Amino acid sequence: MSRYRGPSWKISRRLGYSILETGKELSKRPYGPGPHAKDKRKKVSEYGKQLMEKQKLRETYGVSERQFQRMFLMAKEKKGVVTGVYFMQLLESRLDNLVYRLGFARTRRQARQLVTHGHVTVDGKKVDIPSFITPVGSEISLKEKSKNLAIVKASLESAPATVSYVSVDKDNVQGKYIRLPERNEMARDIQESQIVEFYNRKL
């Protein structure tokens, strides 16, 4: 399954979950898309609940099903960790997500474009792979000629709230991935145990 490229708000309404993490998508119409969405009262099976949790998390980070599944297997093979939590930490460690968390882009889609177009460096070296798993301690910056891009300036001027596991120097448009996030710092409304169960029965 390829990555969804349509309207984010429509997906959020279908899932009943803000994939942009702002809540704006559901503020006016907190029900699914379609003329009869308000009237739908469908009982969801246990498998359906697991699938829904998986879709919420996958759409939040904007990755394809193939990438999502591959990262889950990476997390499952890691010894001495809680699979569901480590899986989410891997998603947070993606370069496109960290560019977003640092406030260099307003959305993960914008951040992915910045990375893909070669504007981002990690420890001084260009990295144009959005799915790159960034090691803790890495310095993330934009190329000198890219620091004045309109979308970057607009994002930084909007004063985005950065998370505590990254530090950012807005003046120099650079930041650092300080540590892995704790569970309470990541998608609190996601039940990762449901996602683990989903893939354990599938793989």
N, C-alpha and C. Protein backbone atom coordinates (compact mmCIF):
# COMPACT_ATOMS: atom_id res chain seq x y z
N MET A 1 0.85 -1.19 0.00
CA MET A 1 0.00 0.00 0.00
C MET A 1 0.88 1.24 0.00
N SER A 2 0.67 2.15 -0.91
CA SER A 2 1.47 3.36 -1.01
C SER A 2 1.04 4.36 0.05
N ARG A 3 1.85 5.38 0.24
CA ARG A 3 1.54 6.41 1.21
C ARG A 3 0.40 7.28 0.72
N TYR A 4 -0.54 7.58 1.61
CA TYR A 4 -1.69 8.42 1.27
C TYR A 4 -1.24 9.85 1.03
N ARG A 5 -1.71 10.48 -0.06
CA ARG A 5 -1.30 11.84 -0.39
C ARG A 5 -2.48 12.81 -0.44
N GLY A 6 -3.66 12.34 -0.05
CA GLY A 6 -4.84 13.19 -0.10
C GLY A 6 -4.98 14.07 1.14
N PRO A 7 -6.17 14.66 1.34
CA PRO A 7 -6.40 15.58 2.46
C PRO A 7 -6.25 14.88 3.82
N SER A 8 -5.44 15.47 4.69
CA SER A 8 -5.21 14.90 6.02
C SER A 8 -6.47 14.96 6.88
N TRP A 9 -7.26 16.04 6.71
CA TRP A 9 -8.45 16.20 7.53
C TRP A 9 -9.46 15.09 7.29
N LYS A 10 -9.56 14.64 6.07
CA LYS A 10 -10.51 13.57 5.75
C LYS A 10 -10.11 12.28 6.47
N ILE A 11 -8.82 11.99 6.48
CA ILE A 11 -8.33 10.79 7.16
C ILE A 11 -8.57 10.90 8.66
N SER A 12 -8.29 12.07 9.23
CA SER A 12 -8.49 12.27 10.66
C SER A 12 -9.95 12.05 11.06
N ARG A 13 -10.86 12.56 10.23
CA ARG A 13 -12.28 12.39 10.53
C ARG A 13 -12.70 10.93 10.42
N ARG A 14 -12.14 10.24 9.45
CA ARG A 14 -12.49 8.82 9.29
C ARG A 14 -12.00 7.99 10.48
N LEU A 15 -10.81 8.33 10.98
CA LEU A 15 -10.23 7.59 12.10
C LEU A 15 -10.71 8.10 13.45
N GLY A 16 -11.29 9.32 13.47
CA GLY A 16 -11.68 9.92 14.74
C GLY A 16 -10.48 10.28 15.57
N TYR A 17 -9.40 10.68 14.90
CA TYR A 17 -8.12 10.93 15.58
C TYR A 17 -7.36 12.00 14.81
N SER A 18 -6.80 12.95 15.51
CA SER A 18 -6.07 14.04 14.86
C SER A 18 -4.67 13.60 14.49
N ILE A 19 -4.45 13.27 13.22
CA ILE A 19 -3.13 12.82 12.79
C ILE A 19 -2.15 13.98 12.69
N LEU A 20 -2.65 15.23 12.69
CA LEU A 20 -1.79 16.40 12.70
C LEU A 20 -1.43 16.82 14.12
N GLU A 21 -2.04 16.15 15.10
CA GLU A 21 -1.77 16.38 16.52
C GLU A 21 -2.18 17.77 16.99
N THR A 22 -3.07 18.40 16.26
CA THR A 22 -3.55 19.73 16.64
C THR A 22 -5.00 19.71 17.12
N GLY A 23 -5.75 18.71 16.69
CA GLY A 23 -7.16 18.62 17.04
C GLY A 23 -8.06 19.45 16.15
N LYS A 24 -7.48 20.26 15.26
CA LYS A 24 -8.27 21.15 14.42
C LYS A 24 -9.17 20.38 13.45
N GLU A 25 -8.69 19.21 13.01
CA GLU A 25 -9.46 18.45 12.02
C GLU A 25 -10.82 18.01 12.55
N LEU A 26 -10.90 17.83 13.87
CA LEU A 26 -12.13 17.29 14.47
C LEU A 26 -12.92 18.34 15.24
N SER A 27 -12.43 19.56 15.28
CA SER A 27 -13.07 20.59 16.10
C SER A 27 -14.47 20.96 15.64
N LYS A 28 -14.68 21.01 14.33
CA LYS A 28 -15.98 21.40 13.80
C LYS A 28 -16.88 20.21 13.48
N ARG A 29 -16.25 19.15 12.93
CA ARG A 29 -17.04 17.97 12.55
C ARG A 29 -16.37 16.71 13.07
N PRO A 30 -16.63 16.38 14.34
CA PRO A 30 -15.98 15.22 14.96
C PRO A 30 -16.62 13.88 14.59
N TYR A 31 -16.84 13.70 13.31
CA TYR A 31 -17.42 12.44 12.81
C TYR A 31 -16.83 12.19 11.43
N GLY A 32 -17.03 10.97 10.94
CA GLY A 32 -16.43 10.58 9.67
C GLY A 32 -16.98 11.33 8.48
N PRO A 33 -16.25 11.31 7.35
CA PRO A 33 -16.72 11.97 6.14
C PRO A 33 -17.91 11.23 5.52
N GLY A 34 -18.67 11.93 4.70
CA GLY A 34 -19.80 11.30 4.04
C GLY A 34 -21.12 11.82 4.57
N PRO A 35 -22.18 11.76 3.76
CA PRO A 35 -23.48 12.34 4.13
C PRO A 35 -24.18 11.66 5.30
N HIS A 36 -23.85 10.40 5.55
CA HIS A 36 -24.55 9.68 6.62
C HIS A 36 -23.62 9.32 7.77
N ALA A 37 -22.48 9.98 7.87
CA ALA A 37 -21.48 9.62 8.87
C ALA A 37 -22.01 9.74 10.30
N LYS A 38 -22.86 10.76 10.55
CA LYS A 38 -23.38 10.98 11.89
C LYS A 38 -24.26 9.82 12.36
N ASP A 39 -24.88 9.15 11.40
CA ASP A 39 -25.86 8.12 11.76
C ASP A 39 -25.26 6.72 11.86
N LYS A 40 -23.97 6.58 11.54
CA LYS A 40 -23.37 5.25 11.53
C LYS A 40 -23.10 4.78 12.96
N ARG A 41 -23.60 3.61 13.32
CA ARG A 41 -23.38 3.02 14.63
C ARG A 41 -22.96 1.57 14.42
N LYS A 42 -21.70 1.36 14.10
CA LYS A 42 -21.23 0.03 13.77
C LYS A 42 -20.38 -0.53 14.90
N LYS A 43 -20.68 -1.75 15.32
CA LYS A 43 -19.90 -2.40 16.36
C LYS A 43 -18.58 -2.85 15.75
N VAL A 44 -17.49 -2.51 16.42
CA VAL A 44 -16.16 -2.82 15.90
C VAL A 44 -15.61 -4.06 16.58
N SER A 45 -15.10 -5.00 15.78
CA SER A 45 -14.53 -6.23 16.32
C SER A 45 -13.18 -5.93 16.95
N GLU A 46 -12.63 -6.90 17.67
CA GLU A 46 -11.32 -6.73 18.29
C GLU A 46 -10.25 -6.50 17.22
N TYR A 47 -10.37 -7.24 16.13
CA TYR A 47 -9.43 -7.06 15.01
C TYR A 47 -9.57 -5.65 14.43
N GLY A 48 -10.82 -5.18 14.34
CA GLY A 48 -11.07 -3.84 13.82
C GLY A 48 -10.45 -2.77 14.69
N LYS A 49 -10.49 -2.96 16.01
CA LYS A 49 -9.88 -2.01 16.93
C LYS A 49 -8.37 -1.97 16.76
N GLN A 50 -7.79 -3.16 16.60
CA GLN A 50 -6.34 -3.25 16.40
C GLN A 50 -5.93 -2.57 15.10
N LEU A 51 -6.71 -2.82 14.06
CA LEU A 51 -6.44 -2.22 12.76
C LEU A 51 -6.54 -0.70 12.83
N MET A 52 -7.54 -0.22 13.57
CA MET A 52 -7.74 1.22 13.71
C MET A 52 -6.56 1.88 14.41
N GLU A 53 -6.05 1.26 15.48
CA GLU A 53 -4.90 1.82 16.20
C GLU A 53 -3.67 1.85 15.29
N LYS A 54 -3.52 0.80 14.51
CA LYS A 54 -2.39 0.75 13.58
C LYS A 54 -2.49 1.86 12.54
N GLN A 55 -3.67 2.08 12.01
CA GLN A 55 -3.88 3.12 11.01
C GLN A 55 -3.67 4.51 11.58
N LYS A 56 -4.11 4.72 12.81
CA LYS A 56 -3.90 6.03 13.46
C LYS A 56 -2.43 6.38 13.51
N LEU A 57 -1.63 5.42 13.98
CA LEU A 57 -0.20 5.69 14.13
C LEU A 57 0.49 5.80 12.78
N ARG A 58 0.13 4.95 11.85
CA ARG A 58 0.77 4.98 10.52
C ARG A 58 0.47 6.28 9.80
N GLU A 59 -0.77 6.74 9.88
CA GLU A 59 -1.15 7.98 9.20
C GLU A 59 -0.53 9.19 9.90
N THR A 60 -0.35 9.13 11.20
CA THR A 60 0.27 10.24 11.92
C THR A 60 1.68 10.51 11.39
N TYR A 61 2.44 9.44 11.19
CA TYR A 61 3.81 9.61 10.71
C TYR A 61 3.90 9.60 9.18
N GLY A 62 2.79 9.32 8.51
CA GLY A 62 2.76 9.40 7.06
C GLY A 62 3.66 8.43 6.34
N VAL A 63 3.73 7.20 6.83
CA VAL A 63 4.59 6.21 6.18
C VAL A 63 3.75 5.15 5.48
N SER A 64 4.36 4.47 4.53
CA SER A 64 3.65 3.42 3.80
C SER A 64 3.51 2.19 4.69
N GLU A 65 2.61 1.33 4.34
CA GLU A 65 2.41 0.09 5.12
C GLU A 65 3.68 -0.75 5.13
N ARG A 66 4.38 -0.79 4.02
CA ARG A 66 5.61 -1.57 3.95
C ARG A 66 6.68 -1.04 4.91
N GLN A 67 6.85 0.28 4.94
CA GLN A 67 7.82 0.89 5.85
C GLN A 67 7.41 0.65 7.31
N PHE A 68 6.13 0.81 7.56
CA PHE A 68 5.59 0.67 8.92
C PHE A 68 5.84 -0.74 9.44
N GLN A 69 5.54 -1.72 8.60
CA GLN A 69 5.72 -3.12 8.98
C GLN A 69 7.20 -3.45 9.19
N ARG A 70 8.06 -2.91 8.33
CA ARG A 70 9.49 -3.17 8.45
C ARG A 70 10.04 -2.59 9.77
N MET A 71 9.55 -1.40 10.15
CA MET A 71 10.00 -0.80 11.40
C MET A 71 9.48 -1.57 12.61
N PHE A 72 8.28 -2.14 12.48
CA PHE A 72 7.76 -2.96 13.58
C PHE A 72 8.65 -4.18 13.78
N LEU A 73 9.07 -4.81 12.69
CA LEU A 73 9.94 -5.99 12.79
C LEU A 73 11.28 -5.62 13.42
N MET A 74 11.79 -4.42 13.11
CA MET A 74 13.03 -3.94 13.73
C MET A 74 12.84 -3.85 15.25
N ALA A 75 11.69 -3.31 15.65
CA ALA A 75 11.41 -3.15 17.07
C ALA A 75 11.24 -4.50 17.76
N LYS A 76 10.60 -5.41 17.08
CA LYS A 76 10.34 -6.74 17.66
C LYS A 76 11.62 -7.52 17.87
N GLU A 77 12.60 -7.32 16.99
CA GLU A 77 13.86 -8.05 17.08
C GLU A 77 14.81 -7.48 18.13
N LYS A 78 14.53 -6.26 18.59
CA LYS A 78 15.39 -5.60 19.58
C LYS A 78 15.20 -6.26 20.95
N LYS A 79 16.28 -6.67 21.56
CA LYS A 79 16.22 -7.33 22.86
C LYS A 79 16.22 -6.31 24.00
N GLY A 80 15.52 -6.65 25.08
CA GLY A 80 15.54 -5.84 26.28
C GLY A 80 14.73 -4.57 26.23
N VAL A 81 13.77 -4.48 25.31
CA VAL A 81 12.92 -3.30 25.22
C VAL A 81 11.46 -3.72 25.17
N VAL A 82 10.58 -2.79 25.43
CA VAL A 82 9.15 -3.02 25.25
C VAL A 82 8.83 -2.74 23.79
N THR A 83 8.41 -3.74 23.06
CA THR A 83 8.27 -3.65 21.61
C THR A 83 7.45 -2.44 21.16
N GLY A 84 6.27 -2.26 21.74
CA GLY A 84 5.40 -1.18 21.31
C GLY A 84 6.01 0.19 21.52
N VAL A 85 6.65 0.39 22.66
CA VAL A 85 7.27 1.68 22.98
C VAL A 85 8.47 1.93 22.08
N TYR A 86 9.30 0.91 21.91
CA TYR A 86 10.49 1.08 21.07
C TYR A 86 10.08 1.33 19.62
N PHE A 87 9.02 0.70 19.18
CA PHE A 87 8.50 0.93 17.84
C PHE A 87 8.16 2.40 17.64
N MET A 88 7.49 2.99 18.62
CA MET A 88 7.14 4.40 18.53
C MET A 88 8.39 5.29 18.61
N GLN A 89 9.37 4.87 19.37
CA GLN A 89 10.62 5.63 19.44
C GLN A 89 11.35 5.61 18.09
N LEU A 90 11.28 4.49 17.40
CA LEU A 90 11.87 4.42 16.07
C LEU A 90 11.17 5.39 15.11
N LEU A 91 9.86 5.45 15.20
CA LEU A 91 9.10 6.37 14.35
C LEU A 91 9.48 7.82 14.66
N GLU A 92 9.65 8.13 15.94
CA GLU A 92 10.05 9.48 16.33
C GLU A 92 11.46 9.80 15.87
N SER A 93 12.28 8.76 15.68
CA SER A 93 13.68 8.97 15.29
C SER A 93 13.86 9.14 13.79
N ARG A 94 12.79 8.98 13.02
CA ARG A 94 12.89 9.23 11.58
C ARG A 94 13.32 10.68 11.35
N LEU A 95 14.16 10.87 10.35
CA LEU A 95 14.68 12.21 10.10
C LEU A 95 13.57 13.21 9.77
N ASP A 96 12.61 12.80 8.94
CA ASP A 96 11.54 13.75 8.59
C ASP A 96 10.75 14.17 9.82
N ASN A 97 10.53 13.23 10.74
CA ASN A 97 9.80 13.57 11.96
C ASN A 97 10.59 14.54 12.82
N LEU A 98 11.91 14.35 12.93
CA LEU A 98 12.73 15.23 13.76
C LEU A 98 12.83 16.63 13.16
N VAL A 99 12.87 16.73 11.83
CA VAL A 99 12.85 18.04 11.18
C VAL A 99 11.55 18.76 11.55
N TYR A 100 10.46 18.02 11.59
CA TYR A 100 9.17 18.58 12.01
C TYR A 100 9.18 18.97 13.49
N ARG A 101 9.70 18.08 14.33
CA ARG A 101 9.75 18.35 15.77
C ARG A 101 10.61 19.57 16.11
N LEU A 102 11.64 19.79 15.30
CA LEU A 102 12.52 20.94 15.52
C LEU A 102 11.88 22.25 15.09
N GLY A 103 10.76 22.16 14.37
CA GLY A 103 10.05 23.35 13.95
C GLY A 103 10.49 23.92 12.63
N PHE A 104 11.28 23.15 11.86
CA PHE A 104 11.73 23.63 10.56
C PHE A 104 10.64 23.49 9.49
N ALA A 105 9.58 22.77 9.81
CA ALA A 105 8.44 22.58 8.91
C ALA A 105 7.17 22.52 9.75
N ARG A 106 6.07 22.98 9.16
CA ARG A 106 4.80 23.01 9.90
C ARG A 106 4.14 21.64 9.97
N THR A 107 4.42 20.79 9.01
CA THR A 107 3.84 19.45 8.98
C THR A 107 4.92 18.44 8.64
N ARG A 108 4.62 17.18 8.87
CA ARG A 108 5.58 16.13 8.50
C ARG A 108 5.71 16.03 6.98
N ARG A 109 4.67 16.38 6.26
CA ARG A 109 4.76 16.36 4.80
C ARG A 109 5.78 17.38 4.31
N GLN A 110 5.71 18.57 4.88
CA GLN A 110 6.69 19.60 4.53
C GLN A 110 8.10 19.15 4.90
N ALA A 111 8.22 18.56 6.08
CA ALA A 111 9.53 18.09 6.53
C ALA A 111 10.09 17.03 5.59
N ARG A 112 9.20 16.14 5.13
CA ARG A 112 9.63 15.09 4.20
C ARG A 112 10.15 15.70 2.90
N GLN A 113 9.49 16.75 2.44
CA GLN A 113 9.94 17.42 1.22
C GLN A 113 11.32 18.06 1.41
N LEU A 114 11.53 18.69 2.55
CA LEU A 114 12.82 19.31 2.83
C LEU A 114 13.94 18.27 2.79
N VAL A 115 13.67 17.12 3.37
CA VAL A 115 14.68 16.06 3.39
C VAL A 115 14.91 15.51 1.99
N THR A 116 13.83 15.18 1.30
CA THR A 116 13.92 14.58 -0.03
C THR A 116 14.64 15.48 -1.02
N HIS A 117 14.44 16.80 -0.91
CA HIS A 117 15.05 17.75 -1.83
C HIS A 117 16.47 18.13 -1.45
N GLY A 118 17.00 17.46 -0.43
CA GLY A 118 18.41 17.63 -0.10
C GLY A 118 18.76 18.86 0.71
N HIS A 119 17.80 19.40 1.46
CA HIS A 119 18.06 20.62 2.24
C HIS A 119 18.61 20.33 3.63
N VAL A 120 18.53 19.07 4.08
CA VAL A 120 18.83 18.73 5.47
C VAL A 120 20.18 18.02 5.61
N THR A 121 20.89 18.36 6.67
CA THR A 121 22.15 17.67 6.98
C THR A 121 22.08 17.05 8.37
N VAL A 122 22.77 15.94 8.54
CA VAL A 122 22.90 15.29 9.84
C VAL A 122 24.39 15.19 10.15
N ASP A 123 24.80 15.84 11.22
CA ASP A 123 26.23 15.90 11.58
C ASP A 123 27.07 16.40 10.40
N GLY A 124 26.52 17.40 9.68
CA GLY A 124 27.25 18.05 8.60
C GLY A 124 27.19 17.36 7.26
N LYS A 125 26.54 16.21 7.18
CA LYS A 125 26.45 15.47 5.92
C LYS A 125 25.02 15.45 5.40
N LYS A 126 24.85 15.69 4.11
CA LYS A 126 23.51 15.70 3.53
C LYS A 126 22.88 14.32 3.64
N VAL A 127 21.63 14.31 4.09
CA VAL A 127 20.85 13.07 4.14
C VAL A 127 19.52 13.37 3.47
N ASP A 128 19.21 12.67 2.38
CA ASP A 128 17.96 12.93 1.66
C ASP A 128 16.99 11.75 1.73
N ILE A 129 17.11 10.98 2.80
CA ILE A 129 16.22 9.83 3.01
C ILE A 129 15.33 10.12 4.22
N PRO A 130 14.05 10.41 4.02
CA PRO A 130 13.15 10.75 5.13
C PRO A 130 13.07 9.69 6.22
N SER A 131 13.20 8.41 5.83
CA SER A 131 13.07 7.31 6.79
C SER A 131 14.36 7.02 7.55
N PHE A 132 15.40 7.80 7.32
CA PHE A 132 16.67 7.61 8.01
C PHE A 132 16.46 7.65 9.51
N ILE A 133 16.91 6.59 10.21
CA ILE A 133 16.78 6.54 11.67
C ILE A 133 17.94 7.32 12.28
N THR A 134 17.63 8.45 12.84
CA THR A 134 18.64 9.37 13.34
C THR A 134 19.16 8.92 14.70
N PRO A 135 20.47 8.73 14.83
CA PRO A 135 21.03 8.33 16.13
C PRO A 135 20.88 9.45 17.16
N VAL A 136 20.67 9.07 18.40
CA VAL A 136 20.62 10.04 19.48
C VAL A 136 21.96 10.77 19.55
N GLY A 137 21.91 12.07 19.73
CA GLY A 137 23.12 12.87 19.79
C GLY A 137 23.45 13.56 18.48
N SER A 138 22.70 13.25 17.44
CA SER A 138 22.97 13.83 16.12
C SER A 138 22.59 15.30 16.05
N GLU A 139 23.39 16.06 15.31
CA GLU A 139 23.10 17.46 15.03
C GLU A 139 22.35 17.53 13.70
N ILE A 140 21.21 18.17 13.70
CA ILE A 140 20.38 18.28 12.50
C ILE A 140 20.30 19.74 12.09
N SER A 141 20.57 20.02 10.84
CA SER A 141 20.57 21.40 10.37
C SER A 141 20.09 21.46 8.93
N LEU A 142 19.90 22.68 8.45
CA LEU A 142 19.62 22.90 7.04
C LEU A 142 20.88 23.44 6.39
N LYS A 143 21.03 23.17 5.11
CA LYS A 143 22.15 23.74 4.37
C LYS A 143 22.08 25.26 4.45
N GLU A 144 23.22 25.90 4.36
CA GLU A 144 23.27 27.35 4.51
C GLU A 144 22.32 28.06 3.55
N LYS A 145 22.30 27.62 2.29
CA LYS A 145 21.44 28.27 1.30
C LYS A 145 19.97 27.94 1.47
N SER A 146 19.68 26.94 2.33
CA SER A 146 18.30 26.51 2.53
C SER A 146 17.65 27.16 3.75
N LYS A 147 18.45 27.83 4.57
CA LYS A 147 17.93 28.39 5.82
C LYS A 147 16.97 29.55 5.61
N ASN A 148 17.00 30.13 4.42
CA ASN A 148 16.11 31.26 4.13
C ASN A 148 14.89 30.87 3.31
N LEU A 149 14.64 29.58 3.18
CA LEU A 149 13.46 29.13 2.46
C LEU A 149 12.20 29.67 3.13
N ALA A 150 11.23 30.04 2.32
CA ALA A 150 10.00 30.66 2.84
C ALA A 150 9.27 29.75 3.82
N ILE A 151 9.17 28.46 3.50
CA ILE A 151 8.41 27.56 4.38
C ILE A 151 9.13 27.37 5.71
N VAL A 152 10.45 27.44 5.70
CA VAL A 152 11.22 27.31 6.94
C VAL A 152 11.03 28.55 7.81
N LYS A 153 11.14 29.72 7.19
CA LYS A 153 10.95 30.97 7.93
C LYS A 153 9.54 31.05 8.52
N ALA A 154 8.55 30.67 7.70
CA ALA A 154 7.16 30.72 8.17
C ALA A 154 6.93 29.79 9.33
N SER A 155 7.55 28.62 9.27
CA SER A 155 7.38 27.65 10.34
C SER A 155 8.02 28.14 11.64
N LEU A 156 9.23 28.64 11.55
CA LEU A 156 9.93 29.12 12.75
C LEU A 156 9.24 30.35 13.34
N GLU A 157 8.69 31.20 12.49
CA GLU A 157 8.00 32.40 12.97
C GLU A 157 6.67 32.09 13.64
N SER A 158 6.12 30.92 13.33
CA SER A 158 4.86 30.52 13.96
C SER A 158 5.07 30.03 15.38
N ALA A 159 6.34 30.04 15.81
CA ALA A 159 6.70 29.66 17.18
C ALA A 159 6.18 28.29 17.57
N PRO A 160 6.57 27.24 16.84
CA PRO A 160 6.10 25.90 17.17
C PRO A 160 6.64 25.44 18.52
N ALA A 161 5.84 24.68 19.23
CA ALA A 161 6.26 24.15 20.53
C ALA A 161 7.10 22.89 20.29
N THR A 162 8.37 22.97 20.60
CA THR A 162 9.23 21.81 20.39
C THR A 162 9.15 20.88 21.59
N VAL A 163 9.47 19.63 21.37
CA VAL A 163 9.42 18.63 22.43
C VAL A 163 10.73 18.65 23.21
N SER A 164 10.72 18.07 24.40
CA SER A 164 11.87 18.19 25.29
C SER A 164 13.04 17.28 24.91
N TYR A 165 12.83 16.33 24.01
CA TYR A 165 13.94 15.44 23.64
C TYR A 165 14.73 15.96 22.44
N VAL A 166 14.43 17.19 22.02
CA VAL A 166 15.27 17.85 21.02
C VAL A 166 15.58 19.27 21.53
N SER A 167 16.71 19.80 21.10
CA SER A 167 17.03 21.20 21.39
C SER A 167 17.16 21.91 20.05
N VAL A 168 16.77 23.17 20.01
CA VAL A 168 16.77 23.88 18.73
C VAL A 168 17.36 25.28 18.89
N ASP A 169 18.16 25.65 17.91
CA ASP A 169 18.71 27.00 17.81
C ASP A 169 18.05 27.63 16.58
N LYS A 170 17.00 28.41 16.82
CA LYS A 170 16.22 28.96 15.71
C LYS A 170 17.02 29.96 14.88
N ASP A 171 17.90 30.69 15.53
CA ASP A 171 18.68 31.69 14.80
C ASP A 171 19.59 31.05 13.75
N ASN A 172 20.15 29.91 14.09
CA ASN A 172 21.06 29.22 13.16
C ASN A 172 20.38 28.07 12.43
N VAL A 173 19.09 27.88 12.70
CA VAL A 173 18.29 26.81 12.07
C VAL A 173 19.01 25.47 12.18
N GLN A 174 19.27 25.10 13.41
CA GLN A 174 19.87 23.81 13.67
C GLN A 174 19.40 23.29 15.01
N GLY A 175 19.54 22.01 15.21
CA GLY A 175 19.09 21.42 16.46
C GLY A 175 19.79 20.12 16.73
N LYS A 176 19.43 19.51 17.84
CA LYS A 176 20.07 18.26 18.25
C LYS A 176 19.03 17.29 18.80
N TYR A 177 19.20 16.03 18.45
CA TYR A 177 18.35 14.96 18.98
C TYR A 177 19.00 14.50 20.28
N ILE A 178 18.48 14.96 21.40
CA ILE A 178 19.13 14.78 22.69
C ILE A 178 19.00 13.35 23.23
N ARG A 179 17.80 12.82 23.16
CA ARG A 179 17.54 11.50 23.76
C ARG A 179 16.31 10.87 23.15
N LEU A 180 16.12 9.59 23.42
CA LEU A 180 14.89 8.94 22.99
C LEU A 180 13.72 9.48 23.82
N PRO A 181 12.57 9.66 23.21
CA PRO A 181 11.41 10.16 23.98
C PRO A 181 10.87 9.10 24.93
N GLU A 182 10.30 9.57 26.03
CA GLU A 182 9.60 8.67 26.96
C GLU A 182 8.21 8.37 26.39
N ARG A 183 7.59 7.32 26.91
CA ARG A 183 6.28 6.93 26.39
C ARG A 183 5.25 8.05 26.55
N ASN A 184 5.29 8.77 27.67
CA ASN A 184 4.29 9.82 27.88
C ASN A 184 4.53 11.06 27.04
N GLU A 185 5.61 11.06 26.24
CA GLU A 185 5.90 12.18 25.35
C GLU A 185 5.49 11.88 23.91
N MET A 186 4.94 10.69 23.70
CA MET A 186 4.55 10.26 22.36
C MET A 186 3.08 9.89 22.31
N ALA A 187 2.39 10.31 21.26
CA ALA A 187 1.01 9.91 20.94
C ALA A 187 0.27 9.24 22.10
N ARG A 188 -0.18 10.03 23.04
CA ARG A 188 -0.79 9.49 24.25
C ARG A 188 -2.09 8.75 24.01
N ASP A 189 -2.79 9.08 22.96
CA ASP A 189 -4.09 8.44 22.69
C ASP A 189 -3.97 7.17 21.85
N ILE A 190 -2.75 6.73 21.60
CA ILE A 190 -2.53 5.50 20.84
C ILE A 190 -2.33 4.33 21.80
N GLN A 191 -3.00 3.22 21.54
CA GLN A 191 -2.81 2.01 22.33
C GLN A 191 -1.85 1.10 21.56
N GLU A 192 -0.57 1.24 21.83
CA GLU A 192 0.43 0.50 21.05
C GLU A 192 0.35 -1.01 21.26
N SER A 193 -0.21 -1.44 22.39
CA SER A 193 -0.36 -2.88 22.62
C SER A 193 -1.29 -3.50 21.58
N GLN A 194 -2.27 -2.75 21.13
CA GLN A 194 -3.19 -3.23 20.09
C GLN A 194 -2.45 -3.42 18.77
N ILE A 195 -1.50 -2.53 18.49
CA ILE A 195 -0.72 -2.63 17.25
C ILE A 195 0.20 -3.84 17.31
N VAL A 196 0.79 -4.08 18.48
CA VAL A 196 1.65 -5.26 18.66
C VAL A 196 0.84 -6.53 18.44
N GLU A 197 -0.35 -6.57 19.00
CA GLU A 197 -1.22 -7.74 18.83
C GLU A 197 -1.61 -7.92 17.36
N PHE A 198 -1.88 -6.81 16.69
CA PHE A 198 -2.26 -6.87 15.27
C PHE A 198 -1.17 -7.55 14.45
N TYR A 199 0.07 -7.11 14.64
CA TYR A 199 1.15 -7.67 13.83
C TYR A 199 1.58 -9.05 14.31
N ASN A 200 1.43 -9.35 15.59
CA ASN A 200 1.77 -10.67 16.09
C ASN A 200 0.88 -11.75 15.48
N ARG A 201 -0.36 -11.40 15.19
CA ARG A 201 -1.27 -12.37 14.59
C ARG A 201 -1.14 -12.41 13.07
N LYS A 202 -0.53 -11.33 12.51
CA LYS A 202 -0.42 -11.23 11.06
C LYS A 202 0.92 -11.77 10.53
N LEU A 203 2.00 -11.50 11.25
CA LEU A 203 3.32 -11.84 10.76
C LEU A 203 3.80 -13.21 11.24
